[in-house]
Amino acid sequence: MIEDPEEEAWMELERRQEAEGWRKRQVLRVKSFEDAFNDYLDNPGAPRTASNDEVRRHFQAGWVAGIRNEWAKERND
């Protein structure tokens, strides 16, 4: 079905706005490091052989990298 170019432009604008709204909702759900780490410790997974301090350092490195990656995505949008 061939649509009017103006109608297609409106539909594209709506899709972009929906995607942007979704991203903003995801950013609002970012937890603090402490909350995320406590959730990680409470998660029953494989037994840990490292101390909590060592696990904390490794988790923090990954958490910071993930946050920086999200910031980079926002700047590129």
N, C-alpha and C. Protein backbone atom coordinates (compact mmCIF):
# COMPACT_ATOMS: atom_id res chain seq x y z
N MET A 1 0.84 -1.17 0.00
CA MET A 1 0.00 0.00 0.00
C MET A 1 0.89 1.24 0.00
N ILE A 2 0.69 2.11 -0.94
CA ILE A 2 1.46 3.34 -1.04
C ILE A 2 0.78 4.40 -0.20
N GLU A 3 1.56 4.98 0.71
CA GLU A 3 1.00 6.00 1.57
C GLU A 3 1.48 7.37 1.14
N ASP A 4 0.80 8.34 1.60
CA ASP A 4 1.16 9.73 1.35
C ASP A 4 2.51 10.02 2.01
N PRO A 5 3.44 10.70 1.33
CA PRO A 5 4.74 11.00 1.93
C PRO A 5 4.63 11.77 3.24
N GLU A 6 3.64 12.63 3.33
CA GLU A 6 3.45 13.38 4.57
C GLU A 6 3.03 12.44 5.71
N GLU A 7 2.16 11.49 5.39
CA GLU A 7 1.72 10.50 6.39
C GLU A 7 2.90 9.64 6.85
N GLU A 8 3.75 9.24 5.91
CA GLU A 8 4.95 8.47 6.25
C GLU A 8 5.87 9.26 7.17
N ALA A 9 6.01 10.55 6.90
CA ALA A 9 6.86 11.40 7.74
C ALA A 9 6.31 11.48 9.16
N TRP A 10 4.98 11.61 9.29
CA TRP A 10 4.37 11.64 10.62
C TRP A 10 4.57 10.32 11.35
N MET A 11 4.43 9.24 10.65
CA MET A 11 4.62 7.92 11.27
C MET A 11 6.06 7.75 11.74
N GLU A 12 7.02 8.19 10.94
CA GLU A 12 8.43 8.10 11.32
C GLU A 12 8.70 8.97 12.55
N LEU A 13 8.13 10.15 12.60
CA LEU A 13 8.29 11.03 13.76
C LEU A 13 7.73 10.37 15.02
N GLU A 14 6.57 9.75 14.91
CA GLU A 14 5.98 9.06 16.06
C GLU A 14 6.86 7.90 16.53
N ARG A 15 7.42 7.14 15.59
CA ARG A 15 8.32 6.04 15.97
C ARG A 15 9.54 6.55 16.71
N ARG A 16 10.11 7.65 16.24
CA ARG A 16 11.29 8.23 16.91
C ARG A 16 10.94 8.70 18.32
N GLN A 17 9.79 9.35 18.47
CA GLN A 17 9.38 9.83 19.78
C GLN A 17 9.14 8.67 20.74
N GLU A 18 8.55 7.60 20.26
CA GLU A 18 8.33 6.42 21.10
C GLU A 18 9.66 5.83 21.54
N ALA A 19 10.63 5.73 20.62
CA ALA A 19 11.94 5.18 20.96
C ALA A 19 12.65 6.07 21.97
N GLU A 20 12.55 7.37 21.80
CA GLU A 20 13.20 8.30 22.72
C GLU A 20 12.57 8.21 24.11
N GLY A 21 11.25 8.10 24.15
CA GLY A 21 10.56 7.96 25.43
C GLY A 21 10.96 6.68 26.13
N TRP A 22 11.14 5.61 25.38
CA TRP A 22 11.58 4.34 25.97
C TRP A 22 12.97 4.50 26.58
N ARG A 23 13.89 5.16 25.84
CA ARG A 23 15.25 5.37 26.36
C ARG A 23 15.22 6.19 27.63
N LYS A 24 14.41 7.21 27.66
CA LYS A 24 14.34 8.06 28.86
C LYS A 24 13.81 7.26 30.04
N ARG A 25 12.81 6.40 29.80
CA ARG A 25 12.30 5.57 30.90
C ARG A 25 13.37 4.62 31.41
N GLN A 26 14.21 4.10 30.51
CA GLN A 26 15.28 3.19 30.93
C GLN A 26 16.31 3.92 31.77
N VAL A 27 16.64 5.15 31.40
CA VAL A 27 17.62 5.93 32.15
C VAL A 27 17.10 6.23 33.54
N LEU A 28 15.81 6.49 33.68
CA LEU A 28 15.24 6.77 34.98
C LEU A 28 15.32 5.57 35.90
N ARG A 29 15.44 4.37 35.33
CA ARG A 29 15.47 3.15 36.14
C ARG A 29 16.88 2.77 36.56
N VAL A 30 17.89 3.57 36.27
CA VAL A 30 19.26 3.22 36.64
C VAL A 30 19.37 3.25 38.16
N LYS A 31 19.93 2.21 38.69
CA LYS A 31 20.10 2.12 40.14
C LYS A 31 21.44 2.70 40.53
N SER A 32 21.56 3.03 41.80
CA SER A 32 22.86 3.44 42.32
C SER A 32 23.76 2.20 42.35
N PHE A 33 25.04 2.44 42.44
CA PHE A 33 25.97 1.31 42.50
C PHE A 33 25.65 0.42 43.70
N GLU A 34 25.41 1.04 44.84
CA GLU A 34 25.15 0.26 46.06
C GLU A 34 23.92 -0.64 45.89
N ASP A 35 22.85 -0.09 45.33
CA ASP A 35 21.64 -0.89 45.12
C ASP A 35 21.89 -2.04 44.15
N ALA A 36 22.59 -1.73 43.06
CA ALA A 36 22.88 -2.76 42.06
C ALA A 36 23.78 -3.85 42.65
N PHE A 37 24.78 -3.45 43.42
CA PHE A 37 25.68 -4.44 44.00
C PHE A 37 24.97 -5.30 45.03
N ASN A 38 24.13 -4.70 45.84
CA ASN A 38 23.38 -5.49 46.83
C ASN A 38 22.44 -6.47 46.15
N ASP A 39 21.82 -6.05 45.05
CA ASP A 39 20.98 -6.97 44.28
C ASP A 39 21.82 -8.12 43.73
N TYR A 40 23.02 -7.81 43.29
CA TYR A 40 23.91 -8.83 42.74
C TYR A 40 24.30 -9.84 43.83
N LEU A 41 24.62 -9.34 45.02
CA LEU A 41 25.00 -10.24 46.12
C LEU A 41 23.83 -11.11 46.55
N ASP A 42 22.61 -10.55 46.49
CA ASP A 42 21.42 -11.30 46.90
C ASP A 42 20.98 -12.31 45.86
N ASN A 43 21.51 -12.18 44.63
CA ASN A 43 21.11 -13.07 43.54
C ASN A 43 21.75 -14.44 43.75
N PRO A 44 20.94 -15.49 43.89
CA PRO A 44 21.53 -16.82 44.06
C PRO A 44 22.09 -17.34 42.74
N GLY A 45 23.39 -17.33 42.65
CA GLY A 45 24.04 -17.80 41.42
C GLY A 45 25.09 -18.83 41.78
N ALA A 46 26.10 -18.89 40.97
CA ALA A 46 27.21 -19.81 41.24
C ALA A 46 27.90 -19.42 42.54
N PRO A 47 28.43 -20.39 43.25
CA PRO A 47 29.12 -20.07 44.50
C PRO A 47 30.34 -19.19 44.23
N ARG A 48 30.53 -18.21 45.08
CA ARG A 48 31.64 -17.28 44.92
C ARG A 48 32.84 -17.76 45.72
N THR A 49 33.99 -17.76 45.09
CA THR A 49 35.21 -18.16 45.80
C THR A 49 36.03 -16.95 46.20
N ALA A 50 35.69 -15.76 45.69
CA ALA A 50 36.43 -14.54 46.01
C ALA A 50 35.77 -13.85 47.20
N SER A 51 36.54 -12.97 47.83
CA SER A 51 35.99 -12.21 48.95
C SER A 51 35.00 -11.16 48.41
N ASN A 52 34.16 -10.65 49.30
CA ASN A 52 33.20 -9.63 48.88
C ASN A 52 33.90 -8.38 48.36
N ASP A 53 35.06 -8.04 48.94
CA ASP A 53 35.80 -6.86 48.47
C ASP A 53 36.27 -7.04 47.03
N GLU A 54 36.77 -8.22 46.73
CA GLU A 54 37.24 -8.49 45.37
C GLU A 54 36.07 -8.52 44.39
N VAL A 55 34.97 -9.14 44.79
CA VAL A 55 33.78 -9.19 43.95
C VAL A 55 33.26 -7.76 43.72
N ARG A 56 33.31 -6.95 44.78
CA ARG A 56 32.86 -5.56 44.68
C ARG A 56 33.69 -4.78 43.66
N ARG A 57 35.00 -4.94 43.67
CA ARG A 57 35.87 -4.23 42.71
C ARG A 57 35.55 -4.63 41.29
N HIS A 58 35.37 -5.92 41.06
CA HIS A 58 35.07 -6.41 39.71
C HIS A 58 33.68 -5.93 39.25
N PHE A 59 32.71 -6.00 40.16
CA PHE A 59 31.37 -5.56 39.82
C PHE A 59 31.36 -4.07 39.52
N GLN A 60 32.09 -3.30 40.33
CA GLN A 60 32.12 -1.85 40.14
C GLN A 60 32.75 -1.49 38.79
N ALA A 61 33.77 -2.20 38.39
CA ALA A 61 34.40 -1.93 37.09
C ALA A 61 33.40 -2.16 35.96
N GLY A 62 32.65 -3.22 36.03
CA GLY A 62 31.64 -3.50 35.01
C GLY A 62 30.49 -2.51 35.05
N TRP A 63 30.08 -2.12 36.24
CA TRP A 63 28.98 -1.17 36.40
C TRP A 63 29.36 0.19 35.82
N VAL A 64 30.55 0.66 36.15
CA VAL A 64 31.03 1.95 35.64
C VAL A 64 31.15 1.90 34.12
N ALA A 65 31.67 0.82 33.59
CA ALA A 65 31.79 0.68 32.13
C ALA A 65 30.41 0.72 31.48
N GLY A 66 29.44 0.07 32.07
CA GLY A 66 28.09 0.07 31.53
C GLY A 66 27.46 1.46 31.54
N ILE A 67 27.64 2.19 32.62
CA ILE A 67 27.11 3.55 32.72
C ILE A 67 27.78 4.46 31.69
N ARG A 68 29.10 4.35 31.56
CA ARG A 68 29.81 5.17 30.56
C ARG A 68 29.35 4.84 29.16
N ASN A 69 29.08 3.57 28.90
CA ASN A 69 28.58 3.17 27.59
C ASN A 69 27.21 3.81 27.30
N GLU A 70 26.35 3.84 28.30
CA GLU A 70 25.04 4.47 28.14
C GLU A 70 25.18 5.97 27.90
N TRP A 71 26.10 6.61 28.62
CA TRP A 71 26.32 8.06 28.41
C TRP A 71 26.81 8.30 26.99
N ALA A 72 27.69 7.45 26.50
CA ALA A 72 28.21 7.61 25.14
C ALA A 72 27.09 7.45 24.11
N LYS A 73 26.18 6.51 24.35
CA LYS A 73 25.05 6.33 23.44
C LYS A 73 24.16 7.57 23.42
N GLU A 74 23.93 8.16 24.60
CA GLU A 74 23.07 9.34 24.67
C GLU A 74 23.70 10.51 23.92
N ARG A 75 25.01 10.68 24.01
CA ARG A 75 25.68 11.78 23.30
C ARG A 75 25.65 11.56 21.80
N ASN A 76 25.63 10.30 21.36
CA ASN A 76 25.63 10.02 19.94
C ASN A 76 24.25 10.08 19.32
N ASP A 77 23.21 10.12 20.14
CA ASP A 77 21.84 10.15 19.59
C ASP A 77 21.52 11.48 18.98
